[in-house]
Amino acid sequence: MKKITTLILITLLTAAAFGQDITGQWNGVLKVNATQLHVVFNISKSDKGYSSTMDSPDQSANGIPVTSTAFENSILKLAVSNAQIEYKGELKGDEVVGTFKQGGQEFPMNLSRKIVEKKTVIRPQDPIKPYPYYTEDVIFENTQANISLAGTLSLPEKEGNFPVVILITGSGPQNRDEEILGHKPFLVIADYLTKNGIAVLRYDDRGIGKSKGDFKTATSADFATDVESAIAYLKTRKEINQQKIGLIGHSEGGLIAPMVAAKSKDINFIILLAAPGLRGDKVLLQQQELMAKASGASDADIEKSQTLNVKLYDLIVKSTDNQKLKDDLTSLLMETLKNDSTAEIPSGITQQEFVAKQVKQISGPWMQYLIKYNPAFALEKVKCPVLAVNGEKDLQVSPKENLSGIKTSLKKGKNKKITIIQFPNLNHLFQECKTGSPAEYATIEQTFSPIVLNEIAKWIQKQTK
């Protein structure tokens, strides 16, 4: 799905040099996709050798100890073992040219004695205040979960009666703008639709931003109750046409929208943006294969990974006992590592700790639910009009298989109000792209294809006229 692996950015490191004197303060900016963090290293020397600490001014974190600091033959090496971080750089003139590594990912990072400025990120589609429409910060209650959710309601005008859509975010903790890698796709969508006469409610996921609750323990079914609460809230607003309430779900949100529409008579239409049409384990296996190919992995490595993941997911799909599942996953991973001489364990962590971390991640409630869930069951019960769209170059939710799955399930339920569109040259975020790889997301200025925005607006207007 949309979930993208991130780093623990507070535990960054780097180094720098001036001549052969490496001591003193050194400055750099670590760039991880669209995220940029100032990093300051304070290196000192004593009779026992070099030592250093790190500051992360953007996160108000100072004096973080660096486990080891070595400088020899113009090569600087630093490590924070408990964070699985390594840095290696070469002193060249008045800077160190090096690479930061953590969890198998590498990022170029240089340091200077001078303050290094962040590069301005351009997002030309972000709307600028004052908006030519009315917006209101709102709070509504999910009484079933006993939590309050905070969001923004955008209305074409302060007074009136308008059709409305609720935006449902993809996987991972998301704010009301579905902010990711410097992009705010839900802000852009809300702006476009509101300018075209359609009200929009978007909200922070539970436990995120100003919304209450615990995100980490929730599943897609729990998030569906948040959407139901948003519907109930909109029905209290005089500005909303209660006969014209729709849902727009992106990625996992496109899994949730049919769950809600299948049960609710209040939903007039739904739009599925890069939504799964297959059972979760099938979607993840396709995603992993496509993204591995895009990253240059060998066919042998891809096959090995797929073989292991099939076994892991099969254990989860068939599981009825959570403790037994964890034991079985642990046994399988330990046996795999034992028989694979090429397997790499990150430095600073034992094999047992590594396996325990993997088991905790894949056996969590959200992941278990996702792997086991088949969207066909809900899609077959959806009777309202459905627009399902995907980008041709989406590597996270493969367009051909998932759009086909959505169409097949809707038709099986005798829904004849179906529109399926695959847009050329668009990725999972509906950006015009070259390869579709998530590595491109942050580097693309466009946040959301204007062609898709126009198609969505026209389709909604047709359903609500």
Protein backbone atom coordinates (compact mmCIF):
# COMPACT_ATOMS: atom_id res chain seq x y z
CA MET A 1 0.00 0.00 0.00
CA LYS A 2 1.05 3.45 0.47
CA LYS A 3 3.11 2.81 3.52
CA ILE A 4 6.76 3.79 2.88
CA THR A 5 9.74 2.70 5.06
CA THR A 6 11.22 5.67 6.95
CA LEU A 7 14.29 6.20 9.12
CA ILE A 8 14.55 7.20 12.74
CA LEU A 9 15.78 10.60 11.78
CA ILE A 10 16.66 11.78 15.26
CA THR A 11 19.61 9.41 15.30
CA LEU A 12 21.51 10.81 12.38
CA LEU A 13 25.21 11.26 12.09
CA THR A 14 27.90 12.66 9.90
CA ALA A 15 31.30 14.28 10.13
CA ALA A 16 33.59 16.84 8.62
CA ALA A 17 37.17 17.92 8.56
CA PHE A 18 39.36 20.92 8.16
CA GLY A 19 42.81 20.03 6.97
CA GLN A 20 43.80 17.16 9.17
CA ASP A 21 42.09 18.70 12.19
CA ILE A 22 38.74 17.00 12.50
CA THR A 23 37.87 18.55 15.84
CA GLY A 24 35.23 21.23 16.23
CA GLN A 25 31.70 21.81 15.03
CA TRP A 26 30.55 20.43 11.69
CA ASN A 27 27.25 21.08 9.93
CA GLY A 28 25.22 19.18 7.40
CA VAL A 29 21.73 18.50 6.08
CA LEU A 30 20.49 14.93 5.81
CA LYS A 31 18.01 14.52 2.97
CA VAL A 32 15.69 11.52 3.19
CA ASN A 33 13.24 11.86 0.32
CA ALA A 34 11.56 15.23 0.91
CA THR A 35 12.58 15.42 4.57
CA GLN A 36 15.56 17.60 5.42
CA LEU A 37 17.17 17.83 8.86
CA HIS A 38 19.99 20.02 10.05
CA VAL A 39 22.69 17.96 11.75
CA VAL A 40 25.53 19.30 13.90
CA PHE A 41 28.48 17.17 14.99
CA ASN A 42 30.77 18.24 17.79
CA ILE A 43 34.05 16.31 17.56
CA SER A 44 36.77 16.46 20.20
CA LYS A 45 40.09 14.70 20.80
CA SER A 46 41.87 13.57 23.95
CA ASP A 47 44.74 11.25 24.86
CA LYS A 48 42.28 8.36 24.45
CA GLY A 49 41.33 9.33 20.90
CA TYR A 50 38.31 10.96 19.25
CA SER A 51 34.79 11.31 20.62
CA SER A 52 31.75 13.18 19.42
CA THR A 53 28.17 14.15 20.05
CA MET A 54 25.38 15.07 17.70
CA ASP A 55 22.75 17.81 17.73
CA SER A 56 19.52 17.82 15.72
CA PRO A 57 18.36 21.44 16.02
CA ASP A 58 15.15 20.87 14.04
CA GLN A 59 14.08 18.30 16.62
CA SER A 60 15.41 20.17 19.68
CA ALA A 61 17.72 17.25 20.41
CA ASN A 62 21.23 18.06 21.60
CA GLY A 63 24.22 16.17 22.95
CA ILE A 64 23.30 12.77 21.47
CA PRO A 65 26.32 10.51 22.08
CA VAL A 66 28.04 8.89 19.11
CA THR A 67 29.16 5.35 19.99
CA SER A 68 32.46 5.43 18.12
CA THR A 69 34.47 8.09 16.26
CA ALA A 70 37.54 7.25 14.18
CA PHE A 71 39.65 9.43 11.88
CA GLU A 72 42.63 7.97 10.04
CA ASN A 73 44.21 8.62 6.63
CA SER A 74 41.57 11.26 5.87
CA ILE A 75 38.74 8.75 6.45
CA LEU A 76 36.14 9.54 9.10
CA LYS A 77 33.98 6.75 10.54
CA LEU A 78 31.19 7.17 13.04
CA ALA A 79 28.64 4.76 14.44
CA VAL A 80 25.63 4.69 16.73
CA SER A 81 25.31 0.96 17.27
CA ASN A 82 21.92 0.84 19.01
CA ALA A 83 20.36 2.74 16.08
CA GLN A 84 22.09 0.58 13.44
CA ILE A 85 23.75 3.68 11.98
CA GLU A 86 27.07 3.90 10.18
CA TYR A 87 28.74 6.85 8.51
CA LYS A 88 31.88 6.86 6.41
CA GLY A 89 33.34 9.92 4.73
CA GLU A 90 36.57 11.15 3.17
CA LEU A 91 38.13 14.50 4.03
CA LYS A 92 38.44 16.54 0.85
CA GLY A 93 39.62 20.08 1.36
CA ASP A 94 37.33 21.75 3.85
CA GLU A 95 34.52 19.19 3.81
CA VAL A 96 33.88 15.49 4.33
CA VAL A 97 32.20 13.72 1.42
CA GLY A 98 30.45 10.68 2.75
CA THR A 99 27.52 8.32 3.04
CA PHE A 100 25.03 7.80 5.83
CA LYS A 101 23.70 4.26 6.21
CA GLN A 102 20.88 2.86 8.31
CA GLY A 103 18.80 -0.27 7.96
CA GLY A 104 20.22 -1.11 4.56
CA GLN A 105 19.48 2.31 3.11
CA GLU A 106 22.20 4.74 2.07
CA PHE A 107 22.09 8.51 1.59
CA PRO A 108 24.89 10.84 0.47
CA MET A 109 25.71 13.39 3.15
CA ASN A 110 28.49 15.97 3.30
CA LEU A 111 29.54 18.24 6.17
CA SER A 112 31.02 21.70 6.38
CA ARG A 113 32.24 24.04 9.10
CA LYS A 114 29.78 26.55 7.65
CA ILE A 115 26.02 26.45 8.24
CA VAL A 116 24.37 24.42 5.48
CA GLU A 117 20.98 25.68 4.29
CA LYS A 118 18.07 23.43 3.39
CA LYS A 119 16.94 23.33 -0.22
CA THR A 120 13.51 24.85 -0.77
CA VAL A 121 10.93 22.27 -1.84
CA ILE A 122 8.58 23.55 -4.55
CA ARG A 123 4.98 22.30 -4.53
CA PRO A 124 3.20 24.56 -7.05
CA GLN A 125 -0.23 22.96 -6.59
CA ASP A 126 -0.48 23.79 -2.88
CA PRO A 127 -3.25 26.39 -2.52
CA ILE A 128 -2.35 29.73 -0.98
CA LYS A 129 -4.52 31.55 1.53
CA PRO A 130 -6.87 33.33 1.46
CA TYR A 131 -8.91 30.62 -0.25
CA PRO A 132 -11.82 31.63 -2.52
CA TYR A 133 -14.16 29.46 -0.44
CA TYR A 134 -15.11 28.85 3.19
CA THR A 135 -13.17 26.49 5.47
CA GLU A 136 -13.89 25.49 9.05
CA ASP A 137 -11.93 23.41 11.53
CA VAL A 138 -14.31 20.83 12.98
CA ILE A 139 -14.38 18.12 15.63
CA PHE A 140 -16.73 15.12 15.57
CA GLU A 141 -17.15 12.10 17.81
CA ASN A 142 -16.72 8.41 17.15
CA THR A 143 -18.95 7.19 19.97
CA GLN A 144 -18.21 3.54 19.23
CA ALA A 145 -14.48 4.07 19.85
CA ASN A 146 -15.05 6.86 22.39
CA ILE A 147 -12.68 9.24 20.59
CA SER A 148 -12.92 12.64 18.92
CA LEU A 149 -11.61 13.30 15.42
CA ALA A 150 -10.45 16.67 14.12
CA GLY A 151 -10.59 17.85 10.54
CA THR A 152 -11.37 20.58 8.06
CA LEU A 153 -14.68 21.12 6.26
CA SER A 154 -14.39 23.07 3.01
CA LEU A 155 -17.55 24.63 1.57
CA PRO A 156 -17.90 26.42 -1.79
CA GLU A 157 -19.64 29.20 0.12
CA LYS A 158 -20.42 29.76 3.79
CA GLU A 159 -24.16 29.52 3.13
CA GLY A 160 -25.84 27.02 0.83
CA ASN A 161 -26.53 23.32 0.40
CA PHE A 162 -23.81 21.29 -1.30
CA PRO A 163 -22.85 17.73 -2.26
CA VAL A 164 -19.92 16.51 -0.17
CA VAL A 165 -17.11 13.98 -0.20
CA ILE A 166 -15.21 12.51 2.73
CA LEU A 167 -11.52 11.85 2.03
CA ILE A 168 -10.10 8.61 3.48
CA THR A 169 -6.32 8.35 3.83
CA GLY A 170 -4.05 5.50 2.85
CA SER A 171 -2.00 3.29 5.16
CA GLY A 172 0.31 4.67 7.80
CA PRO A 173 -0.36 7.59 10.16
CA GLN A 174 -1.69 10.45 8.03
CA ASN A 175 -2.88 13.94 8.79
CA ARG A 176 -5.91 15.52 7.12
CA ASP A 177 -3.82 16.55 4.09
CA GLU A 178 -2.52 12.97 3.68
CA GLU A 179 0.90 14.64 3.86
CA ILE A 180 3.72 12.52 2.49
CA LEU A 181 7.22 13.41 1.34
CA GLY A 182 6.46 17.12 1.20
CA HIS A 183 3.25 16.61 -0.77
CA LYS A 184 -0.29 17.30 0.49
CA PRO A 185 -2.55 15.44 -1.96
CA PHE A 186 -5.74 15.73 0.09
CA LEU A 187 -5.26 19.50 0.44
CA VAL A 188 -4.90 19.73 -3.35
CA ILE A 189 -7.95 17.52 -3.97
CA ALA A 190 -10.05 19.44 -1.45
CA ASP A 191 -9.06 22.75 -3.01
CA TYR A 192 -9.94 21.61 -6.54
CA LEU A 193 -13.29 20.04 -5.65
CA THR A 194 -14.43 22.91 -3.44
CA LYS A 195 -13.69 25.35 -6.26
CA ASN A 196 -15.95 23.17 -8.40
CA GLY A 197 -18.93 23.33 -6.07
CA ILE A 198 -18.30 20.21 -3.98
CA ALA A 199 -17.84 20.36 -0.21
CA VAL A 200 -15.01 18.28 1.28
CA LEU A 201 -14.40 16.86 4.76
CA ARG A 202 -10.89 15.63 5.49
CA TYR A 203 -9.61 14.71 8.94
CA ASP A 204 -6.52 13.59 10.86
CA ASP A 205 -6.28 9.83 11.40
CA ARG A 206 -7.07 8.73 14.95
CA GLY A 207 -4.13 9.51 17.23
CA ILE A 208 -2.61 11.84 14.63
CA GLY A 209 -2.59 15.65 14.60
CA LYS A 210 -5.53 16.90 16.65
CA SER A 211 -7.48 13.62 16.55
CA LYS A 212 -7.65 11.42 19.64
CA GLY A 213 -7.24 7.66 19.91
CA ASP A 214 -4.51 5.08 19.35
CA PHE A 215 -3.46 4.63 15.73
CA LYS A 216 -1.05 1.75 16.40
CA THR A 217 -3.72 -0.66 17.68
CA ALA A 218 -6.32 0.10 14.98
CA THR A 219 -7.18 -1.95 11.90
CA SER A 220 -8.95 -1.00 8.66
CA ALA A 221 -12.23 -2.03 10.32
CA ASP A 222 -11.61 0.48 13.11
CA PHE A 223 -10.83 3.22 10.58
CA ALA A 224 -14.14 2.39 8.88
CA THR A 225 -15.97 3.41 12.06
CA ASP A 226 -14.17 6.76 11.89
CA VAL A 227 -15.63 7.27 8.41
CA GLU A 228 -19.10 6.33 9.67
CA SER A 229 -18.69 8.97 12.39
CA ALA A 230 -17.78 11.54 9.74
CA ILE A 231 -20.98 10.69 7.85
CA ALA A 232 -23.06 11.09 11.00
CA TYR A 233 -21.45 14.47 11.62
CA LEU A 234 -22.13 15.73 8.09
CA LYS A 235 -25.80 14.81 8.47
CA THR A 236 -26.01 17.43 11.23
CA ARG A 237 -24.79 20.22 8.95
CA LYS A 238 -27.44 22.26 7.13
CA GLU A 239 -24.93 23.14 4.40
CA ILE A 240 -24.69 19.48 3.34
CA ASN A 241 -27.08 17.79 0.93
CA GLN A 242 -27.69 14.51 2.77
CA GLN A 243 -28.74 12.77 -0.45
CA LYS A 244 -25.37 13.51 -2.05
CA ILE A 245 -22.69 12.21 0.31
CA GLY A 246 -19.73 10.44 -1.29
CA LEU A 247 -16.46 8.82 -0.22
CA ILE A 248 -13.01 9.13 -1.82
CA GLY A 249 -10.48 6.60 -0.55
CA HIS A 250 -6.82 6.41 -1.53
CA SER A 251 -4.92 3.13 -1.29
CA GLU A 252 -6.02 1.58 2.04
CA GLY A 253 -8.69 4.28 2.06
CA GLY A 254 -9.97 2.64 -1.12
CA LEU A 255 -10.27 -0.58 0.86
CA ILE A 256 -12.25 1.17 3.60
CA ALA A 257 -14.69 3.11 1.38
CA PRO A 258 -16.48 -0.05 0.09
CA MET A 259 -16.62 -1.43 3.65
CA VAL A 260 -18.63 1.63 4.66
CA ALA A 261 -20.70 1.90 1.46
CA ALA A 262 -21.69 -1.77 1.68
CA LYS A 263 -23.42 -1.12 5.01
CA SER A 264 -24.63 2.48 4.71
CA LYS A 265 -27.65 3.78 2.79
CA ASP A 266 -26.30 7.31 3.24
CA ILE A 267 -23.56 6.92 0.60
CA ASN A 268 -24.50 8.22 -2.85
CA PHE A 269 -21.21 7.29 -4.60
CA ILE A 270 -17.62 6.21 -3.95
CA ILE A 271 -14.31 6.92 -5.70
CA LEU A 272 -11.44 4.46 -5.32
CA LEU A 273 -7.95 5.88 -5.91
CA ALA A 274 -5.34 3.12 -6.35
CA ALA A 275 -7.47 0.80 -4.25
CA PRO A 276 -6.82 -2.91 -3.64
CA GLY A 277 -9.08 -5.31 -5.52
CA LEU A 278 -7.39 -8.47 -4.26
CA ARG A 279 -6.78 -10.04 -0.86
CA GLY A 280 -4.10 -8.22 1.10
CA ASP A 281 -1.38 -10.85 0.85
CA LYS A 282 -1.70 -10.87 -2.96
CA VAL A 283 -1.43 -7.07 -3.11
CA LEU A 284 1.66 -7.04 -0.90
CA LEU A 285 3.42 -9.78 -2.86
CA GLN A 286 2.85 -7.92 -6.13
CA GLN A 287 4.00 -4.67 -4.53
CA GLN A 288 7.19 -6.23 -3.20
CA GLU A 289 8.06 -7.81 -6.53
CA LEU A 290 7.45 -4.64 -8.57
CA MET A 291 9.36 -2.39 -6.17
CA ALA A 292 12.26 -4.83 -5.92
CA LYS A 293 12.57 -4.88 -9.72
CA ALA A 294 12.46 -1.08 -9.82
CA SER A 295 15.27 -0.90 -7.25
CA GLY A 296 17.49 -3.18 -9.36
CA ALA A 297 17.27 -6.38 -7.29
CA SER A 298 18.33 -9.56 -9.05
CA ASP A 299 15.78 -12.15 -10.17
CA ALA A 300 17.32 -14.64 -7.73
CA ASP A 301 16.95 -12.27 -4.77
CA ILE A 302 13.37 -11.43 -5.74
CA GLU A 303 12.45 -15.10 -6.01
CA LYS A 304 14.04 -15.84 -2.63
CA SER A 305 12.16 -12.97 -0.98
CA GLN A 306 8.86 -13.94 -2.61
CA THR A 307 9.23 -17.57 -1.50
CA LEU A 308 9.77 -16.51 2.11
CA ASN A 309 6.95 -13.95 2.12
CA VAL A 310 4.48 -16.44 0.67
CA LYS A 311 5.23 -18.75 3.61
CA LEU A 312 4.98 -15.91 6.15
CA TYR A 313 1.68 -14.63 4.77
CA ASP A 314 0.25 -18.13 4.54
CA LEU A 315 0.89 -18.61 8.26
CA ILE A 316 -0.95 -15.36 8.96
CA VAL A 317 -3.91 -16.13 6.69
CA LYS A 318 -4.45 -19.51 8.35
CA SER A 319 -3.76 -18.36 11.91
CA THR A 320 -6.38 -18.48 14.67
CA ASP A 321 -4.01 -18.31 17.65
CA ASN A 322 -1.89 -15.17 17.98
CA GLN A 323 0.81 -16.62 20.24
CA LYS A 324 1.18 -19.72 18.08
CA LEU A 325 1.44 -17.45 15.04
CA LYS A 326 4.30 -15.50 16.62
CA ASP A 327 6.08 -18.74 17.51
CA ASP A 328 5.63 -20.11 13.99
CA LEU A 329 6.84 -16.87 12.38
CA THR A 330 9.88 -16.82 14.65
CA SER A 331 10.75 -20.44 13.82
CA LEU A 332 10.41 -19.83 10.09
CA LEU A 333 12.58 -16.70 10.11
CA MET A 334 15.26 -18.26 12.32
CA GLU A 335 15.40 -21.36 10.09
CA THR A 336 15.62 -19.16 6.98
CA LEU A 337 18.53 -17.18 8.39
CA LYS A 338 20.26 -20.38 9.45
CA ASN A 339 20.09 -21.80 5.92
CA ASP A 340 20.89 -18.58 4.05
CA SER A 341 24.58 -17.74 4.13
CA THR A 342 23.99 -14.49 2.21
CA ALA A 343 21.50 -13.05 4.70
CA GLU A 344 22.67 -9.82 6.34
CA ILE A 345 21.80 -8.73 9.87
CA PRO A 346 22.20 -4.98 10.56
CA SER A 347 25.22 -4.20 12.69
CA GLY A 348 24.65 -3.58 16.38
CA ILE A 349 21.76 -6.05 16.68
CA THR A 350 21.64 -9.80 17.33
CA GLN A 351 19.90 -12.32 15.10
CA GLN A 352 17.29 -12.93 17.79
CA GLU A 353 16.61 -9.21 18.17
CA PHE A 354 16.33 -8.82 14.41
CA VAL A 355 13.82 -11.67 14.11
CA ALA A 356 11.79 -10.43 17.08
CA LYS A 357 11.50 -7.03 15.43
CA GLN A 358 10.31 -8.56 12.15
CA VAL A 359 7.77 -10.78 13.90
CA LYS A 360 6.38 -7.86 15.88
CA GLN A 361 5.84 -5.89 12.69
CA ILE A 362 4.16 -8.55 10.57
CA SER A 363 2.03 -10.01 13.40
CA GLY A 364 0.57 -6.67 14.53
CA PRO A 365 -3.22 -6.22 14.37
CA TRP A 366 -3.17 -3.86 11.39
CA MET A 367 -0.89 -6.06 9.27
CA GLN A 368 -2.75 -9.25 10.13
CA TYR A 369 -6.07 -7.68 9.18
CA LEU A 370 -4.69 -6.32 5.92
CA ILE A 371 -3.11 -9.62 4.86
CA LYS A 372 -6.29 -11.61 5.57
CA TYR A 373 -8.84 -9.12 4.24
CA ASN A 374 -10.45 -9.71 0.84
CA PRO A 375 -12.15 -6.53 -0.49
CA ALA A 376 -14.34 -8.62 -2.80
CA PHE A 377 -16.79 -9.35 0.01
CA ALA A 378 -17.58 -5.65 0.54
CA LEU A 379 -17.38 -4.69 -3.16
CA GLU A 380 -20.02 -7.30 -4.03
CA LYS A 381 -22.45 -5.50 -1.69
CA VAL A 382 -21.83 -1.96 -3.00
CA LYS A 383 -24.84 -0.75 -5.00
CA CYS A 384 -24.01 2.96 -5.47
CA PRO A 385 -22.03 4.34 -8.45
CA VAL A 386 -18.29 3.58 -8.30
CA LEU A 387 -15.37 5.30 -10.00
CA ALA A 388 -12.15 3.26 -9.69
CA VAL A 389 -8.94 4.78 -11.06
CA ASN A 390 -5.28 3.89 -10.99
CA GLY A 391 -1.99 4.99 -12.50
CA GLU A 392 -0.38 2.81 -15.15
CA LYS A 393 2.98 2.98 -13.35
CA ASP A 394 1.72 2.32 -9.82
CA LEU A 395 4.16 -0.10 -8.19
CA GLN A 396 2.37 -0.23 -4.84
CA VAL A 397 -1.10 -1.29 -5.99
CA SER A 398 -0.65 -2.87 -9.41
CA PRO A 399 -3.29 -1.36 -11.71
CA LYS A 400 -4.17 -4.23 -14.03
CA GLU A 401 -4.81 -6.90 -11.41
CA ASN A 402 -6.50 -4.68 -8.83
CA LEU A 403 -8.75 -2.72 -11.19
CA SER A 404 -9.78 -6.04 -12.70
CA GLY A 405 -10.51 -7.43 -9.24
CA ILE A 406 -12.64 -4.39 -8.35
CA LYS A 407 -14.60 -4.61 -11.59
CA THR A 408 -15.18 -8.36 -11.23
CA SER A 409 -16.45 -8.05 -7.66
CA LEU A 410 -18.78 -5.15 -8.44
CA LYS A 411 -20.24 -6.99 -11.42
CA LYS A 412 -20.70 -10.13 -9.33
CA GLY A 413 -22.86 -8.02 -7.03
CA LYS A 414 -24.83 -6.83 -10.11
CA ASN A 415 -23.64 -3.22 -9.79
CA LYS A 416 -23.98 -1.69 -13.28
CA LYS A 417 -22.85 1.83 -12.32
CA ILE A 418 -19.12 1.23 -12.70
CA THR A 419 -16.43 3.43 -14.24
CA ILE A 420 -12.88 2.04 -14.43
CA ILE A 421 -9.98 4.19 -15.68
CA GLN A 422 -6.25 3.47 -15.90
CA PHE A 423 -4.28 6.67 -16.49
CA PRO A 424 -0.98 6.47 -18.40
CA ASN A 425 2.33 7.57 -16.85
CA LEU A 426 0.98 8.06 -13.32
CA ASN A 427 2.30 6.53 -10.09
CA HIS A 428 0.62 5.52 -6.82
CA LEU A 429 0.23 9.17 -5.80
CA PHE A 430 -1.20 10.06 -9.24
CA GLN A 431 1.85 12.09 -10.19
CA GLU A 432 3.16 12.21 -13.74
CA CYS A 433 6.36 10.16 -13.45
CA LYS A 434 9.11 8.27 -15.25
CA THR A 435 9.33 4.91 -13.48
CA GLY A 436 6.63 4.86 -10.79
CA SER A 437 9.20 4.13 -8.08
CA PRO A 438 8.50 5.63 -4.64
CA ALA A 439 12.02 7.08 -4.83
CA GLU A 440 10.62 9.57 -7.35
CA TYR A 441 7.71 10.82 -5.23
CA ALA A 442 9.60 13.55 -3.41
CA THR A 443 11.51 14.73 -6.48
CA ILE A 444 8.38 15.40 -8.56
CA GLU A 445 6.98 18.92 -8.20
CA GLN A 446 3.46 17.86 -9.17
CA THR A 447 1.36 16.62 -6.26
CA PHE A 448 -1.69 15.25 -8.12
CA SER A 449 -2.43 15.00 -11.83
CA PRO A 450 -4.74 17.80 -13.06
CA ILE A 451 -6.20 15.35 -15.58
CA VAL A 452 -7.34 13.03 -12.77
CA LEU A 453 -8.62 15.96 -10.69
CA ASN A 454 -10.75 17.07 -13.62
CA GLU A 455 -12.06 13.55 -14.23
CA ILE A 456 -13.01 13.16 -10.57
CA ALA A 457 -14.82 16.51 -10.43
CA LYS A 458 -16.76 15.86 -13.65
CA TRP A 459 -17.78 12.38 -12.48
CA ILE A 460 -19.01 13.67 -9.10
CA GLN A 461 -20.97 16.47 -10.76
CA LYS A 462 -22.64 13.89 -12.99
CA GLN A 463 -23.65 11.78 -9.98
CA THR A 464 -24.95 14.74 -7.99
CA LYS A 465 -26.70 16.88 -10.62
